[in-house]
């Protein structure tokens, strides 16, 4: 029986990856913790995102619009 190695080869970034921001990078840019971003995401206070496995990625145009609108600094859209 042959001994095969099944480790995945590193994959080049996809064509669409340039338009995606990993949650960790967004947290670092904003000076927020990933936990805080996760809480805001679950409350619907973060821009459009997608999940790739466990990784949360934000769409760059949505983040830029969200920042321009100033939605990152207040409680807009929060219902209590």
PDB file of N, CA and C in Angstrom:
ATOM      1  N   UNK A   1       0.837  -1.177   0.000  1.00  0.00           N
ATOM      2  CA  UNK A   1       0.000   0.000   0.000  1.00  0.00           C
ATOM      3  C   UNK A   1       0.885   1.244   0.000  1.00  0.00           C
ATOM      4  N   UNK A   2       0.555   2.203  -0.869  1.00  0.00           N
ATOM      5  CA  UNK A   2       1.328   3.439  -0.958  1.00  0.00           C
ATOM      6  C   UNK A   2       1.019   4.347   0.215  1.00  0.00           C
ATOM      7  N   UNK A   3       2.031   5.104   0.644  1.00  0.00           N
ATOM      8  CA  UNK A   3       1.856   6.074   1.722  1.00  0.00           C
ATOM      9  C   UNK A   3       1.722   7.456   1.089  1.00  0.00           C
ATOM     10  N   UNK A   4       0.491   7.962   1.072  1.00  0.00           N
ATOM     11  CA  UNK A   4       0.235   9.262   0.455  1.00  0.00           C
ATOM     12  C   UNK A   4       0.126  10.338   1.522  1.00  0.00           C
ATOM     13  N   UNK A   5       0.595  11.486   1.204  1.00  0.00           N
ATOM     14  CA  UNK A   5       0.434  12.641   2.088  1.00  0.00           C
ATOM     15  C   UNK A   5      -0.784  13.423   1.607  1.00  0.00           C
ATOM     16  N   UNK A   6      -1.730  13.647   2.505  1.00  0.00           N
ATOM     17  CA  UNK A   6      -2.973  14.314   2.130  1.00  0.00           C
ATOM     18  C   UNK A   6      -3.029  15.761   2.597  1.00  0.00           C
ATOM     19  N   UNK A   7      -1.896  16.351   2.864  1.00  0.00           N
ATOM     20  CA  UNK A   7      -1.920  17.753   3.275  1.00  0.00           C
ATOM     21  C   UNK A   7      -2.290  18.609   2.073  1.00  0.00           C
ATOM     22  N   UNK A   8      -3.126  19.586   2.324  1.00  0.00           N
ATOM     23  CA  UNK A   8      -3.592  20.457   1.247  1.00  0.00           C
ATOM     24  C   UNK A   8      -2.478  21.401   0.816  1.00  0.00           C
ATOM     25  N   UNK A   9      -2.376  21.575  -0.470  1.00  0.00           N
ATOM     26  CA  UNK A   9      -1.404  22.526  -0.996  1.00  0.00           C
ATOM     27  C   UNK A   9      -1.905  23.938  -0.727  1.00  0.00           C
ATOM     28  N   UNK A  10      -1.007  24.878  -0.444  1.00  0.00           N
ATOM     29  CA  UNK A  10      -1.457  26.259  -0.246  1.00  0.00           C
ATOM     30  C   UNK A  10      -2.162  26.753  -1.496  1.00  0.00           C
ATOM     31  N   UNK A  11      -3.263  27.449  -1.282  1.00  0.00           N
ATOM     32  CA  UNK A  11      -4.033  27.927  -2.419  1.00  0.00           C
ATOM     33  C   UNK A  11      -3.826  29.415  -2.611  1.00  0.00           C
ATOM     34  N   UNK A  12      -3.688  29.831  -3.851  1.00  0.00           N
ATOM     35  CA  UNK A  12      -3.553  31.269  -4.097  1.00  0.00           C
ATOM     36  C   UNK A  12      -4.864  31.963  -3.766  1.00  0.00           C
ATOM     37  N   UNK A  13      -4.793  33.235  -3.397  1.00  0.00           N
ATOM     38  CA  UNK A  13      -6.039  33.943  -3.114  1.00  0.00           C
ATOM     39  C   UNK A  13      -6.944  33.940  -4.331  1.00  0.00           C
ATOM     40  N   UNK A  14      -8.232  33.833  -4.100  1.00  0.00           N
ATOM     41  CA  UNK A  14      -9.192  33.863  -5.192  1.00  0.00           C
ATOM     42  C   UNK A  14      -9.320  35.268  -5.764  1.00  0.00           C
ATOM     43  N   UNK A  15      -9.914  35.349  -6.914  1.00  0.00           N
ATOM     44  CA  UNK A  15     -10.080  36.645  -7.560  1.00  0.00           C
ATOM     45  C   UNK A  15     -10.913  37.601  -6.722  1.00  0.00           C
ATOM     46  N   UNK A  16     -11.880  37.074  -5.968  1.00  0.00           N
ATOM     47  CA  UNK A  16     -12.752  37.933  -5.182  1.00  0.00           C
ATOM     48  C   UNK A  16     -12.163  38.309  -3.830  1.00  0.00           C
ATOM     49  N   UNK A  17     -11.084  37.657  -3.412  1.00  0.00           N
ATOM     50  CA  UNK A  17     -10.524  37.912  -2.089  1.00  0.00           C
ATOM     51  C   UNK A  17     -10.058  39.346  -1.907  1.00  0.00           C
ATOM     52  N   UNK A  18      -9.722  40.033  -2.987  1.00  0.00           N
ATOM     53  CA  UNK A  18      -9.288  41.417  -2.870  1.00  0.00           C
ATOM     54  C   UNK A  18     -10.398  42.305  -2.318  1.00  0.00           C
ATOM     55  N   UNK A  19     -11.633  41.921  -2.525  1.00  0.00           N
ATOM     56  CA  UNK A  19     -12.753  42.709  -2.050  1.00  0.00           C
ATOM     57  C   UNK A  19     -13.262  42.268  -0.697  1.00  0.00           C
ATOM     58  N   UNK A  20     -12.501  41.403  -0.008  1.00  0.00           N
ATOM     59  CA  UNK A  20     -12.930  40.882   1.280  1.00  0.00           C
ATOM     60  C   UNK A  20     -11.945  41.275   2.375  1.00  0.00           C
ATOM     61  N   UNK A  21     -12.489  41.618   3.541  1.00  0.00           N
ATOM     62  CA  UNK A  21     -11.663  41.994   4.691  1.00  0.00           C
ATOM     63  C   UNK A  21     -11.907  40.981   5.804  1.00  0.00           C
ATOM     64  N   UNK A  22     -10.891  40.259   6.230  1.00  0.00           N
ATOM     65  CA  UNK A  22     -11.067  39.333   7.343  1.00  0.00           C
ATOM     66  C   UNK A  22     -11.465  40.086   8.617  1.00  0.00           C
ATOM     67  N   UNK A  23     -12.309  39.467   9.424  1.00  0.00           N
ATOM     68  CA  UNK A  23     -12.789  40.113  10.642  1.00  0.00           C
ATOM     69  C   UNK A  23     -11.632  40.540  11.550  1.00  0.00           C
ATOM     70  N   UNK A  24     -10.592  39.736  11.630  1.00  0.00           N
ATOM     71  CA  UNK A  24      -9.442  40.080  12.473  1.00  0.00           C
ATOM     72  C   UNK A  24      -8.796  41.387  11.997  1.00  0.00           C
ATOM     73  N   UNK A  25      -8.687  41.566  10.681  1.00  0.00           N
ATOM     74  CA  UNK A  25      -8.102  42.793  10.138  1.00  0.00           C
ATOM     75  C   UNK A  25      -8.999  43.997  10.402  1.00  0.00           C
ATOM     76  N   UNK A  26     -10.306  43.806  10.267  1.00  0.00           N
ATOM     77  CA  UNK A  26     -11.240  44.896  10.537  1.00  0.00           C
ATOM     78  C   UNK A  26     -11.174  45.289  12.006  1.00  0.00           C
ATOM     79  N   UNK A  27     -11.124  44.300  12.891  1.00  0.00           N
ATOM     80  CA  UNK A  27     -11.031  44.579  14.325  1.00  0.00           C
ATOM     81  C   UNK A  27      -9.776  45.381  14.633  1.00  0.00           C
ATOM     82  N   UNK A  28      -8.664  44.984  14.062  1.00  0.00           N
ATOM     83  CA  UNK A  28      -7.402  45.688  14.297  1.00  0.00           C
ATOM     84  C   UNK A  28      -7.474  47.121  13.776  1.00  0.00           C
ATOM     85  N   UNK A  29      -8.044  47.299  12.601  1.00  0.00           N
ATOM     86  CA  UNK A  29      -8.155  48.640  12.011  1.00  0.00           C
ATOM     87  C   UNK A  29      -9.015  49.564  12.855  1.00  0.00           C
ATOM     88  N   UNK A  30     -10.082  49.015  13.437  1.00  0.00           N
ATOM     89  CA  UNK A  30     -10.999  49.827  14.241  1.00  0.00           C
ATOM     90  C   UNK A  30     -10.547  49.961  15.693  1.00  0.00           C
ATOM     91  N   UNK A  31      -9.590  49.135  16.104  1.00  0.00           N
ATOM     92  CA  UNK A  31      -9.160  49.136  17.495  1.00  0.00           C
ATOM     93  C   UNK A  31     -10.162  48.444  18.407  1.00  0.00           C
ATOM     94  N   UNK A  32     -10.939  47.538  17.845  1.00  0.00           N
ATOM     95  CA  UNK A  32     -11.942  46.769  18.590  1.00  0.00           C
ATOM     96  C   UNK A  32     -11.466  45.332  18.731  1.00  0.00           C
ATOM     97  N   UNK A  33     -12.026  44.625  19.716  1.00  0.00           N
ATOM     98  CA  UNK A  33     -11.724  43.203  19.837  1.00  0.00           C
ATOM     99  C   UNK A  33     -12.606  42.420  18.859  1.00  0.00           C
ATOM    100  N   UNK A  34     -12.156  41.230  18.510  1.00  0.00           N
ATOM    101  CA  UNK A  34     -12.964  40.370  17.634  1.00  0.00           C
ATOM    102  C   UNK A  34     -14.262  39.979  18.331  1.00  0.00           C
ATOM    103  N   UNK A  35     -14.222  39.826  19.657  1.00  0.00           N
ATOM    104  CA  UNK A  35     -15.449  39.506  20.400  1.00  0.00           C
ATOM    105  C   UNK A  35     -16.481  40.615  20.248  1.00  0.00           C
ATOM    106  N   UNK A  36     -16.028  41.869  20.354  1.00  0.00           N
ATOM    107  CA  UNK A  36     -16.948  42.998  20.236  1.00  0.00           C
ATOM    108  C   UNK A  36     -17.552  43.063  18.831  1.00  0.00           C
ATOM    109  N   UNK A  37     -16.729  42.845  17.837  1.00  0.00           N
ATOM    110  CA  UNK A  37     -17.244  42.833  16.462  1.00  0.00           C
ATOM    111  C   UNK A  37     -18.244  41.697  16.297  1.00  0.00           C
ATOM    112  N   UNK A  38     -17.940  40.523  16.856  1.00  0.00           N
ATOM    113  CA  UNK A  38     -18.864  39.392  16.770  1.00  0.00           C
ATOM    114  C   UNK A  38     -20.214  39.701  17.404  1.00  0.00           C
ATOM    115  N   UNK A  39     -20.194  40.364  18.549  1.00  0.00           N
ATOM    116  CA  UNK A  39     -21.454  40.747  19.206  1.00  0.00           C
ATOM    117  C   UNK A  39     -22.241  41.707  18.329  1.00  0.00           C
ATOM    118  N   UNK A  40     -21.560  42.697  17.775  1.00  0.00           N
ATOM    119  CA  UNK A  40     -22.243  43.666  16.906  1.00  0.00           C
ATOM    120  C   UNK A  40     -22.755  42.999  15.635  1.00  0.00           C
ATOM    121  N   UNK A  41     -21.999  42.029  15.112  1.00  0.00           N
ATOM    122  CA  UNK A  41     -22.438  41.317  13.909  1.00  0.00           C
ATOM    123  C   UNK A  41     -23.719  40.532  14.194  1.00  0.00           C
ATOM    124  N   UNK A  42     -23.758  39.860  15.338  1.00  0.00           N
ATOM    125  CA  UNK A  42     -24.948  39.082  15.694  1.00  0.00           C
ATOM    126  C   UNK A  42     -26.162  39.966  15.949  1.00  0.00           C
ATOM    127  N   UNK A  43     -25.940  41.218  16.342  1.00  0.00           N
ATOM    128  CA  UNK A  43     -27.046  42.166  16.556  1.00  0.00           C
ATOM    129  C   UNK A  43     -27.424  42.887  15.266  1.00  0.00           C
ATOM    130  N   UNK A  44     -26.734  42.583  14.178  1.00  0.00           N
ATOM    131  CA  UNK A  44     -27.044  43.207  12.895  1.00  0.00           C
ATOM    132  C   UNK A  44     -26.478  44.603  12.737  1.00  0.00           C
ATOM    133  N   UNK A  45     -25.450  44.935  13.495  1.00  0.00           N
ATOM    134  CA  UNK A  45     -24.870  46.279  13.473  1.00  0.00           C
ATOM    135  C   UNK A  45     -23.613  46.387  12.623  1.00  0.00           C
ATOM    136  N   UNK A  46     -23.236  45.316  11.960  1.00  0.00           N
ATOM    137  CA  UNK A  46     -22.033  45.332  11.138  1.00  0.00           C
ATOM    138  C   UNK A  46     -22.445  45.273   9.671  1.00  0.00           C
ATOM    139  N   UNK A  47     -21.527  45.665   8.796  1.00  0.00           N
ATOM    140  CA  UNK A  47     -21.840  45.607   7.363  1.00  0.00           C
ATOM    141  C   UNK A  47     -21.968  44.170   6.861  1.00  0.00           C
ATOM    142  N   UNK A  48     -22.367  44.057   5.613  1.00  0.00           N
ATOM    143  CA  UNK A  48     -22.552  42.763   4.967  1.00  0.00           C
ATOM    144  C   UNK A  48     -21.291  41.911   5.101  1.00  0.00           C
ATOM    145  N   UNK A  49     -21.489  40.645   5.423  1.00  0.00           N
ATOM    146  CA  UNK A  49     -20.361  39.732   5.575  1.00  0.00           C
ATOM    147  C   UNK A  49     -20.725  38.370   5.001  1.00  0.00           C
ATOM    148  N   UNK A  50     -19.698  37.574   4.823  1.00  0.00           N
ATOM    149  CA  UNK A  50     -19.879  36.183   4.426  1.00  0.00           C
ATOM    150  C   UNK A  50     -19.020  35.341   5.348  1.00  0.00           C
ATOM    151  N   UNK A  51     -19.325  34.053   5.410  1.00  0.00           N
ATOM    152  CA  UNK A  51     -18.510  33.142   6.194  1.00  0.00           C
ATOM    153  C   UNK A  51     -17.890  32.120   5.260  1.00  0.00           C
ATOM    154  N   UNK A  52     -16.624  31.897   5.467  1.00  0.00           N
ATOM    155  CA  UNK A  52     -15.889  30.854   4.737  1.00  0.00           C
ATOM    156  C   UNK A  52     -15.349  29.928   5.818  1.00  0.00           C
ATOM    157  N   UNK A  53     -16.104  28.867   6.081  1.00  0.00           N
ATOM    158  CA  UNK A  53     -15.777  28.010   7.217  1.00  0.00           C
ATOM    159  C   UNK A  53     -16.056  28.788   8.495  1.00  0.00           C
ATOM    160  N   UNK A  54     -15.050  28.902   9.351  1.00  0.00           N
ATOM    161  CA  UNK A  54     -15.189  29.689  10.580  1.00  0.00           C
ATOM    162  C   UNK A  54     -14.760  31.136  10.399  1.00  0.00           C
ATOM    163  N   UNK A  55     -14.222  31.449   9.253  1.00  0.00           N
ATOM    164  CA  UNK A  55     -13.713  32.790   8.998  1.00  0.00           C
ATOM    165  C   UNK A  55     -14.831  33.711   8.538  1.00  0.00           C
ATOM    166  N   UNK A  56     -14.927  34.865   9.179  1.00  0.00           N
ATOM    167  CA  UNK A  56     -15.899  35.878   8.787  1.00  0.00           C
ATOM    168  C   UNK A  56     -15.166  36.914   7.943  1.00  0.00           C
ATOM    169  N   UNK A  57     -15.719  37.183   6.771  1.00  0.00           N
ATOM    170  CA  UNK A  57     -15.131  38.141   5.836  1.00  0.00           C
ATOM    171  C   UNK A  57     -16.160  39.222   5.530  1.00  0.00           C
ATOM    172  N   UNK A  58     -15.716  40.453   5.526  1.00  0.00           N
ATOM    173  CA  UNK A  58     -16.593  41.575   5.227  1.00  0.00           C
ATOM    174  C   UNK A  58     -16.340  42.069   3.812  1.00  0.00           C
ATOM    175  N   UNK A  59     -17.399  42.455   3.147  1.00  0.00           N
ATOM    176  CA  UNK A  59     -17.283  42.983   1.788  1.00  0.00           C
ATOM    177  C   UNK A  59     -16.750  44.405   1.865  1.00  0.00           C
ATOM    178  N   UNK A  60     -15.629  44.653   1.206  1.00  0.00           N
ATOM    179  CA  UNK A  60     -14.956  45.949   1.293  1.00  0.00           C
ATOM    180  C   UNK A  60     -15.889  47.121   0.963  1.00  0.00           C
ATOM    181  N   UNK A  61     -16.681  47.076  -0.116  1.00  0.00           N
ATOM    182  CA  UNK A  61     -17.567  48.212  -0.403  1.00  0.00           C
ATOM    183  C   UNK A  61     -18.584  48.457   0.722  1.00  0.00           C
ATOM    184  N   UNK A  62     -19.065  47.377   1.348  1.00  0.00           N
ATOM    185  CA  UNK A  62     -20.027  47.523   2.440  1.00  0.00           C
ATOM    186  C   UNK A  62     -19.363  48.159   3.658  1.00  0.00           C
ATOM    187  N   UNK A  63     -18.121  47.769   3.944  1.00  0.00           N
ATOM    188  CA  UNK A  63     -17.389  48.351   5.077  1.00  0.00           C
ATOM    189  C   UNK A  63     -17.137  49.832   4.819  1.00  0.00           C
ATOM    190  N   UNK A  64     -16.730  50.164   3.604  1.00  0.00           N
ATOM    191  CA  UNK A  64     -16.454  51.568   3.281  1.00  0.00           C
ATOM    192  C   UNK A  64     -17.715  52.421   3.421  1.00  0.00           C
ATOM    193  N   UNK A  65     -18.849  51.922   2.942  1.00  0.00           N
ATOM    194  CA  UNK A  65     -20.114  52.655   3.060  1.00  0.00           C
ATOM    195  C   UNK A  65     -20.515  52.783   4.529  1.00  0.00           C
ATOM    196  N   UNK A  66     -20.333  51.731   5.291  1.00  0.00           N
ATOM    197  CA  UNK A  66     -20.655  51.707   6.711  1.00  0.00           C
ATOM    198  C   UNK A  66     -19.820  52.738   7.469  1.00  0.00           C
ATOM    199  N   UNK A  67     -18.534  52.811   7.144  1.00  0.00           N
ATOM    200  CA  UNK A  67     -17.657  53.797   7.784  1.00  0.00           C
ATOM    201  C   UNK A  67     -18.041  55.227   7.389  1.00  0.00           C
ATOM    202  N   UNK A  68     -18.326  55.443   6.096  1.00  0.00           N
ATOM    203  CA  UNK A  68     -18.738  56.778   5.640  1.00  0.00           C
ATOM    204  C   UNK A  68     -20.029  57.224   6.318  1.00  0.00           C
ATOM    205  N   UNK A  69     -20.937  56.287   6.543  1.00  0.00           N
ATOM    206  CA  UNK A  69     -22.219  56.618   7.163  1.00  0.00           C
ATOM    207  C   UNK A  69     -22.091  56.838   8.672  1.00  0.00           C
ATOM    208  N   UNK A  70     -20.933  56.498   9.229  1.00  0.00           N
ATOM    209  CA  UNK A  70     -20.716  56.689  10.656  1.00  0.00           C
ATOM    210  C   UNK A  70     -21.445  55.689  11.534  1.00  0.00           C
ATOM    211  N   UNK A  71     -21.877  54.579  10.951  1.00  0.00           N
ATOM    212  CA  UNK A  71     -22.644  53.597  11.715  1.00  0.00           C
ATOM    213  C   UNK A  71     -21.780  52.829  12.706  1.00  0.00           C
ATOM    214  N   UNK A  72     -20.468  52.947  12.582  1.00  0.00           N
ATOM    215  CA  UNK A  72     -19.565  52.220  13.465  1.00  0.00           C
ATOM    216  C   UNK A  72     -19.416  52.881  14.827  1.00  0.00           C
ATOM    217  N   UNK A  73     -19.886  54.122  14.956  1.00  0.00           N
ATOM    218  CA  UNK A  73     -19.594  54.854  16.184  1.00  0.00           C
ATOM    219  C   UNK A  73     -20.762  54.977  17.143  1.00  0.00           C
ATOM    220  N   UNK A  74     -21.946  54.558  16.743  1.00  0.00           N
ATOM    221  CA  UNK A  74     -23.090  54.749  17.622  1.00  0.00           C
ATOM    222  C   UNK A  74     -23.923  53.505  17.750  1.00  0.00           C
ATOM    223  N   UNK A  75     -25.140  53.693  18.176  1.00  0.00           N
ATOM    224  CA  UNK A  75     -26.061  52.580  18.369  1.00  0.00           C
ATOM    225  C   UNK A  75     -27.162  52.559  17.330  1.00  0.00           C
ATOM    226  N   UNK A  76     -26.894  53.082  16.146  1.00  0.00           N
ATOM    227  CA  UNK A  76     -27.891  53.093  15.092  1.00  0.00           C
ATOM    228  C   UNK A  76     -28.338  51.671  14.776  1.00  0.00           C
ATOM    229  N   UNK A  77     -29.606  51.479  14.637  1.00  0.00           N
ATOM    230  CA  UNK A  77     -30.131  50.180  14.262  1.00  0.00           C
ATOM    231  C   UNK A  77     -30.300  49.215  15.431  1.00  0.00           C
ATOM    232  N   UNK A  78     -29.937  49.647  16.629  1.00  0.00           N
ATOM    233  CA  UNK A  78     -30.059  48.770  17.790  1.00  0.00           C
ATOM    234  C   UNK A  78     -31.459  48.921  18.375  1.00  0.00           C
ATOM    235  N   UNK A  79     -32.128  47.827  18.558  1.00  0.00           N
ATOM    236  CA  UNK A  79     -33.438  47.863  19.212  1.00  0.00           C
ATOM    237  C   UNK A  79     -33.270  47.226  20.583  1.00  0.00           C
ATOM    238  N   UNK A  80     -33.888  47.814  21.540  1.00  0.00           N
ATOM    239  CA  UNK A  80     -33.748  47.299  22.906  1.00  0.00           C
ATOM    240  C   UNK A  80     -35.062  46.789  23.385  1.00  0.00           C
TER     241      UNK A  80
END
